[in-house]
N, C-alpha and C. Protein backbone atom coordinates (compact mmCIF):
# COMPACT_ATOMS: atom_id res chain seq x y z
N LEU A 1 -5.96 1.93 -13.34
CA LEU A 1 -5.48 1.15 -12.22
C LEU A 1 -6.49 0.07 -11.83
N ASP A 2 -7.75 0.36 -12.07
CA ASP A 2 -8.78 -0.64 -11.76
C ASP A 2 -8.56 -1.93 -12.55
N MET A 3 -8.06 -1.78 -13.79
CA MET A 3 -7.82 -2.95 -14.63
C MET A 3 -6.79 -3.87 -13.96
N PHE A 4 -5.74 -3.30 -13.39
CA PHE A 4 -4.73 -4.13 -12.74
C PHE A 4 -5.27 -4.79 -11.48
N SER A 5 -6.06 -4.05 -10.73
CA SER A 5 -6.67 -4.62 -9.52
C SER A 5 -7.59 -5.78 -9.88
N ALA A 6 -8.30 -5.65 -11.00
CA ALA A 6 -9.25 -6.68 -11.40
C ALA A 6 -8.57 -8.01 -11.69
N VAL A 7 -7.31 -7.98 -12.11
CA VAL A 7 -6.60 -9.22 -12.41
C VAL A 7 -5.47 -9.48 -11.41
N ASN A 8 -5.56 -8.85 -10.24
CA ASN A 8 -4.64 -9.09 -9.13
C ASN A 8 -3.18 -8.78 -9.48
N VAL A 9 -2.97 -7.69 -10.22
CA VAL A 9 -1.61 -7.24 -10.54
C VAL A 9 -1.32 -6.01 -9.70
N PRO A 10 -0.33 -6.10 -8.81
CA PRO A 10 -0.03 -4.94 -7.97
C PRO A 10 0.55 -3.79 -8.80
N VAL A 11 0.20 -2.58 -8.44
CA VAL A 11 0.73 -1.38 -9.09
C VAL A 11 1.92 -0.91 -8.26
N LEU A 12 3.07 -0.85 -8.90
CA LEU A 12 4.28 -0.44 -8.19
C LEU A 12 4.32 1.06 -7.94
N GLY A 13 3.65 1.82 -8.80
CA GLY A 13 3.61 3.27 -8.62
C GLY A 13 3.43 3.98 -9.94
N LEU A 14 3.51 5.31 -9.87
CA LEU A 14 3.36 6.16 -11.05
C LEU A 14 4.66 6.91 -11.31
N LEU A 15 5.00 7.08 -12.58
CA LEU A 15 6.20 7.77 -13.02
C LEU A 15 5.79 8.92 -13.93
N GLU A 16 6.39 10.07 -13.72
CA GLU A 16 6.11 11.22 -14.59
C GLU A 16 7.20 11.29 -15.66
N ASN A 17 6.83 10.96 -16.89
CA ASN A 17 7.76 11.01 -18.01
C ASN A 17 7.71 12.39 -18.66
N MET A 18 8.82 12.83 -19.21
CA MET A 18 8.93 14.15 -19.86
C MET A 18 8.48 15.25 -18.91
N SER A 19 8.89 15.14 -17.66
CA SER A 19 8.39 16.03 -16.62
C SER A 19 8.90 17.45 -16.72
N TYR A 20 10.13 17.65 -17.14
CA TYR A 20 10.71 18.99 -17.25
C TYR A 20 11.95 18.94 -18.13
N PHE A 21 12.45 20.10 -18.50
CA PHE A 21 13.76 20.16 -19.12
C PHE A 21 14.55 21.26 -18.44
N ILE A 22 15.86 21.12 -18.47
CA ILE A 22 16.74 22.12 -17.88
C ILE A 22 17.37 22.91 -19.00
N CYS A 23 17.12 24.20 -18.98
CA CYS A 23 17.60 25.11 -20.01
C CYS A 23 19.13 25.22 -19.94
N ASP A 24 19.78 25.12 -21.10
CA ASP A 24 21.24 25.27 -21.15
C ASP A 24 21.69 26.66 -20.71
N GLY A 25 20.87 27.66 -21.02
CA GLY A 25 21.27 29.04 -20.74
C GLY A 25 21.09 29.46 -19.28
N CYS A 26 20.05 28.94 -18.62
CA CYS A 26 19.77 29.42 -17.27
C CYS A 26 19.88 28.34 -16.20
N ASP A 27 20.05 27.08 -16.60
CA ASP A 27 20.20 25.96 -15.66
C ASP A 27 18.99 25.80 -14.74
N LYS A 28 17.82 26.20 -15.21
CA LYS A 28 16.59 26.14 -14.43
C LYS A 28 15.66 25.07 -14.99
N LYS A 29 14.90 24.41 -14.10
CA LYS A 29 13.90 23.43 -14.54
C LYS A 29 12.69 24.16 -15.12
N HIS A 30 12.25 23.72 -16.29
CA HIS A 30 11.05 24.27 -16.92
C HIS A 30 10.05 23.12 -17.06
N TYR A 31 8.89 23.27 -16.46
CA TYR A 31 7.84 22.25 -16.49
C TYR A 31 6.87 22.59 -17.61
N LEU A 32 7.01 21.90 -18.74
CA LEU A 32 6.20 22.21 -19.92
C LEU A 32 4.74 21.80 -19.77
N PHE A 33 4.49 20.79 -18.98
CA PHE A 33 3.12 20.27 -18.83
C PHE A 33 2.58 20.51 -17.43
N GLY A 34 3.14 21.46 -16.72
CA GLY A 34 2.74 21.71 -15.34
C GLY A 34 3.61 20.91 -14.39
N GLU A 35 3.59 21.30 -13.15
CA GLU A 35 4.46 20.67 -12.16
C GLU A 35 3.65 19.89 -11.12
N GLY A 36 4.05 18.66 -10.88
CA GLY A 36 3.50 17.89 -9.77
C GLY A 36 2.20 17.16 -10.01
N GLY A 37 1.70 17.12 -11.24
CA GLY A 37 0.42 16.47 -11.50
C GLY A 37 0.42 14.98 -11.20
N VAL A 38 1.46 14.29 -11.60
CA VAL A 38 1.53 12.84 -11.36
C VAL A 38 1.75 12.56 -9.88
N ARG A 39 2.54 13.40 -9.22
CA ARG A 39 2.75 13.24 -7.78
C ARG A 39 1.42 13.38 -7.04
N ARG A 40 0.64 14.39 -7.41
CA ARG A 40 -0.68 14.59 -6.76
C ARG A 40 -1.60 13.40 -7.04
N MET A 41 -1.57 12.91 -8.27
CA MET A 41 -2.42 11.77 -8.62
C MET A 41 -2.01 10.53 -7.84
N SER A 42 -0.71 10.32 -7.66
CA SER A 42 -0.27 9.14 -6.91
C SER A 42 -0.72 9.24 -5.45
N GLU A 43 -0.69 10.44 -4.90
CA GLU A 43 -1.19 10.62 -3.52
C GLU A 43 -2.68 10.35 -3.45
N GLU A 44 -3.42 10.87 -4.44
CA GLU A 44 -4.87 10.67 -4.47
C GLU A 44 -5.23 9.20 -4.60
N LEU A 45 -4.47 8.48 -5.44
CA LEU A 45 -4.75 7.06 -5.67
C LEU A 45 -4.07 6.14 -4.66
N GLN A 46 -3.28 6.73 -3.79
CA GLN A 46 -2.57 6.00 -2.74
C GLN A 46 -1.64 4.93 -3.31
N VAL A 47 -0.88 5.32 -4.34
CA VAL A 47 0.17 4.47 -4.89
C VAL A 47 1.48 5.26 -4.84
N PRO A 48 2.61 4.59 -4.77
CA PRO A 48 3.88 5.31 -4.68
C PRO A 48 4.15 6.19 -5.91
N PHE A 49 4.79 7.31 -5.66
CA PHE A 49 5.29 8.16 -6.75
C PHE A 49 6.73 7.71 -7.01
N LEU A 50 7.00 7.25 -8.23
CA LEU A 50 8.30 6.66 -8.54
C LEU A 50 9.33 7.68 -9.01
N GLY A 51 8.90 8.87 -9.39
CA GLY A 51 9.86 9.89 -9.79
C GLY A 51 9.51 10.56 -11.09
N GLU A 52 10.50 11.33 -11.57
CA GLU A 52 10.35 12.10 -12.80
C GLU A 52 11.48 11.74 -13.76
N VAL A 53 11.13 11.61 -15.04
CA VAL A 53 12.14 11.46 -16.09
C VAL A 53 12.05 12.73 -16.93
N PRO A 54 13.11 13.54 -16.91
CA PRO A 54 13.08 14.82 -17.63
C PRO A 54 13.38 14.66 -19.12
N PHE A 55 13.13 15.75 -19.87
CA PHE A 55 13.61 15.85 -21.24
C PHE A 55 15.11 16.07 -21.15
N ILE A 56 15.89 15.15 -21.65
CA ILE A 56 17.33 15.33 -21.74
C ILE A 56 17.73 14.86 -23.14
N PRO A 57 18.28 15.75 -23.95
CA PRO A 57 18.61 15.36 -25.33
C PRO A 57 19.46 14.08 -25.42
N ARG A 58 20.34 13.86 -24.47
CA ARG A 58 21.19 12.67 -24.54
C ARG A 58 20.38 11.39 -24.39
N ILE A 59 19.28 11.43 -23.64
CA ILE A 59 18.43 10.24 -23.54
C ILE A 59 17.95 9.86 -24.94
N MET A 60 17.48 10.86 -25.68
CA MET A 60 16.97 10.61 -27.03
C MET A 60 18.09 10.14 -27.96
N SER A 61 19.22 10.85 -27.97
CA SER A 61 20.28 10.50 -28.92
C SER A 61 20.90 9.14 -28.60
N ASP A 62 21.17 8.86 -27.34
CA ASP A 62 21.74 7.56 -26.99
C ASP A 62 20.77 6.42 -27.30
N THR A 63 19.52 6.63 -26.99
CA THR A 63 18.51 5.59 -27.24
C THR A 63 18.36 5.36 -28.74
N ASP A 64 18.39 6.42 -29.53
CA ASP A 64 18.32 6.27 -30.99
C ASP A 64 19.51 5.48 -31.53
N LEU A 65 20.65 5.56 -30.85
CA LEU A 65 21.84 4.80 -31.25
C LEU A 65 21.82 3.37 -30.71
N GLY A 66 20.79 3.05 -29.92
CA GLY A 66 20.67 1.72 -29.37
C GLY A 66 21.46 1.52 -28.08
N ILE A 67 21.86 2.61 -27.45
CA ILE A 67 22.62 2.54 -26.20
C ILE A 67 21.89 3.36 -25.14
N PRO A 68 20.91 2.78 -24.46
CA PRO A 68 20.22 3.53 -23.41
C PRO A 68 21.21 4.06 -22.37
N PRO A 69 21.06 5.30 -21.95
CA PRO A 69 22.02 5.91 -21.02
C PRO A 69 22.26 5.10 -19.75
N ALA A 70 21.25 4.44 -19.24
CA ALA A 70 21.42 3.67 -18.00
C ALA A 70 22.38 2.50 -18.19
N LEU A 71 22.53 2.01 -19.42
CA LEU A 71 23.43 0.89 -19.67
C LEU A 71 24.89 1.32 -19.73
N ARG A 72 25.14 2.61 -19.63
CA ARG A 72 26.53 3.09 -19.62
C ARG A 72 27.19 2.81 -18.27
N GLY A 73 26.38 2.45 -17.25
CA GLY A 73 26.93 2.06 -15.97
C GLY A 73 27.36 3.21 -15.07
N ASP A 74 26.93 4.43 -15.38
CA ASP A 74 27.32 5.59 -14.60
C ASP A 74 26.06 6.29 -14.09
N ASP A 75 25.73 6.07 -12.81
CA ASP A 75 24.49 6.65 -12.29
C ASP A 75 24.60 8.14 -12.01
N THR A 76 25.77 8.74 -12.25
CA THR A 76 25.90 10.20 -12.09
C THR A 76 25.68 10.93 -13.41
N LEU A 77 25.65 10.21 -14.51
CA LEU A 77 25.40 10.80 -15.82
C LEU A 77 23.99 11.37 -15.84
N ASP A 78 23.85 12.63 -16.21
CA ASP A 78 22.53 13.28 -16.19
C ASP A 78 21.46 12.48 -16.91
N ALA A 79 21.82 11.87 -18.03
CA ALA A 79 20.84 11.12 -18.81
C ALA A 79 20.53 9.76 -18.20
N ALA A 80 21.39 9.24 -17.33
CA ALA A 80 21.17 7.92 -16.74
C ALA A 80 20.57 8.01 -15.34
N LYS A 81 20.86 9.07 -14.62
CA LYS A 81 20.44 9.20 -13.22
C LYS A 81 18.94 8.96 -13.01
N PRO A 82 18.05 9.53 -13.85
CA PRO A 82 16.61 9.28 -13.62
C PRO A 82 16.24 7.80 -13.65
N TYR A 83 16.94 7.02 -14.46
CA TYR A 83 16.63 5.59 -14.56
C TYR A 83 17.17 4.80 -13.37
N TYR A 84 18.32 5.20 -12.87
CA TYR A 84 18.84 4.57 -11.65
C TYR A 84 17.93 4.91 -10.47
N ASP A 85 17.49 6.17 -10.41
CA ASP A 85 16.56 6.57 -9.35
C ASP A 85 15.26 5.78 -9.45
N LEU A 86 14.78 5.59 -10.69
CA LEU A 86 13.56 4.82 -10.92
C LEU A 86 13.75 3.37 -10.46
N ALA A 87 14.88 2.78 -10.79
CA ALA A 87 15.14 1.40 -10.38
C ALA A 87 15.11 1.27 -8.86
N ARG A 88 15.71 2.25 -8.17
CA ARG A 88 15.70 2.21 -6.70
C ARG A 88 14.27 2.37 -6.16
N ALA A 89 13.48 3.24 -6.80
CA ALA A 89 12.09 3.44 -6.36
C ALA A 89 11.26 2.18 -6.60
N ILE A 90 11.48 1.51 -7.72
CA ILE A 90 10.76 0.27 -8.01
C ILE A 90 11.15 -0.81 -7.00
N GLU A 91 12.43 -0.89 -6.69
CA GLU A 91 12.88 -1.86 -5.69
C GLU A 91 12.21 -1.61 -4.34
N ALA A 92 12.15 -0.36 -3.93
CA ALA A 92 11.50 -0.01 -2.65
C ALA A 92 10.02 -0.35 -2.69
N SER A 93 9.37 -0.09 -3.82
CA SER A 93 7.95 -0.39 -3.95
C SER A 93 7.70 -1.90 -3.90
N MET A 94 8.58 -2.67 -4.52
CA MET A 94 8.43 -4.13 -4.49
C MET A 94 8.66 -4.67 -3.08
N GLU A 95 9.63 -4.10 -2.36
CA GLU A 95 9.87 -4.52 -0.98
C GLU A 95 8.66 -4.21 -0.11
N ALA A 96 8.04 -3.05 -0.34
CA ALA A 96 6.85 -2.70 0.43
C ALA A 96 5.71 -3.67 0.14
N LEU A 97 5.55 -4.08 -1.12
CA LEU A 97 4.51 -5.06 -1.45
C LEU A 97 4.80 -6.40 -0.78
N ASP A 98 6.06 -6.80 -0.75
CA ASP A 98 6.42 -8.06 -0.09
C ASP A 98 6.07 -8.02 1.39
N LYS A 99 6.33 -6.88 2.03
CA LYS A 99 6.03 -6.75 3.46
C LYS A 99 4.53 -6.85 3.72
N LYS A 100 3.73 -6.41 2.74
CA LYS A 100 2.27 -6.49 2.89
C LYS A 100 1.75 -7.87 2.48
N GLY A 101 2.64 -8.70 1.96
CA GLY A 101 2.22 -10.02 1.51
C GLY A 101 1.55 -10.01 0.17
N LYS A 102 1.74 -8.94 -0.60
CA LYS A 102 1.08 -8.84 -1.91
C LYS A 102 2.06 -9.00 -3.06
N GLY A 103 3.33 -9.18 -2.78
CA GLY A 103 4.32 -9.22 -3.84
C GLY A 103 4.74 -10.60 -4.27
N GLN A 104 4.18 -11.64 -3.67
CA GLN A 104 4.66 -12.98 -3.97
C GLN A 104 3.91 -13.64 -5.12
N ASP A 105 2.66 -13.40 -5.24
CA ASP A 105 1.88 -14.06 -6.29
C ASP A 105 1.69 -13.12 -7.46
N GLY A 106 1.84 -13.69 -8.65
CA GLY A 106 1.56 -12.93 -9.87
C GLY A 106 0.09 -13.06 -10.22
N PRO A 107 -0.28 -12.51 -11.36
CA PRO A 107 -1.69 -12.61 -11.77
C PRO A 107 -2.06 -14.05 -12.08
N LYS A 108 -3.30 -14.38 -11.85
CA LYS A 108 -3.81 -15.70 -12.17
C LYS A 108 -4.86 -15.55 -13.27
N VAL A 109 -4.60 -16.20 -14.38
CA VAL A 109 -5.51 -16.16 -15.53
C VAL A 109 -6.14 -17.52 -15.65
N VAL A 110 -7.46 -17.55 -15.66
CA VAL A 110 -8.18 -18.82 -15.73
C VAL A 110 -9.09 -18.78 -16.96
N PHE A 111 -8.97 -19.80 -17.79
CA PHE A 111 -9.84 -19.94 -18.94
C PHE A 111 -10.85 -21.04 -18.64
N GLU A 112 -12.11 -20.72 -18.85
CA GLU A 112 -13.15 -21.72 -18.59
C GLU A 112 -13.85 -22.09 -19.86
């Protein structure tokens, strides 16, 4: 994150990818890499937590076919919902940056 601060790029937040999978047999969330690590890190670093993207086989299969689940236009689809939720979280994070006056300028690169 220091790298982004050094070049005046705001950090919108942290996202936990491959956060869990839901077992077909028991319908329970299984956290393969532990639970809540990215959320705790976002709190420690004082940046927004943008959410979790779970292991969902349809995400992999649709993406391999060149049709990302979010492009199906159905935010209730299990494979698309995490991306719609992420888009809403990013929008909220960008609005918060705008309110602080930090969202208007992009990075400035100067060559001397």
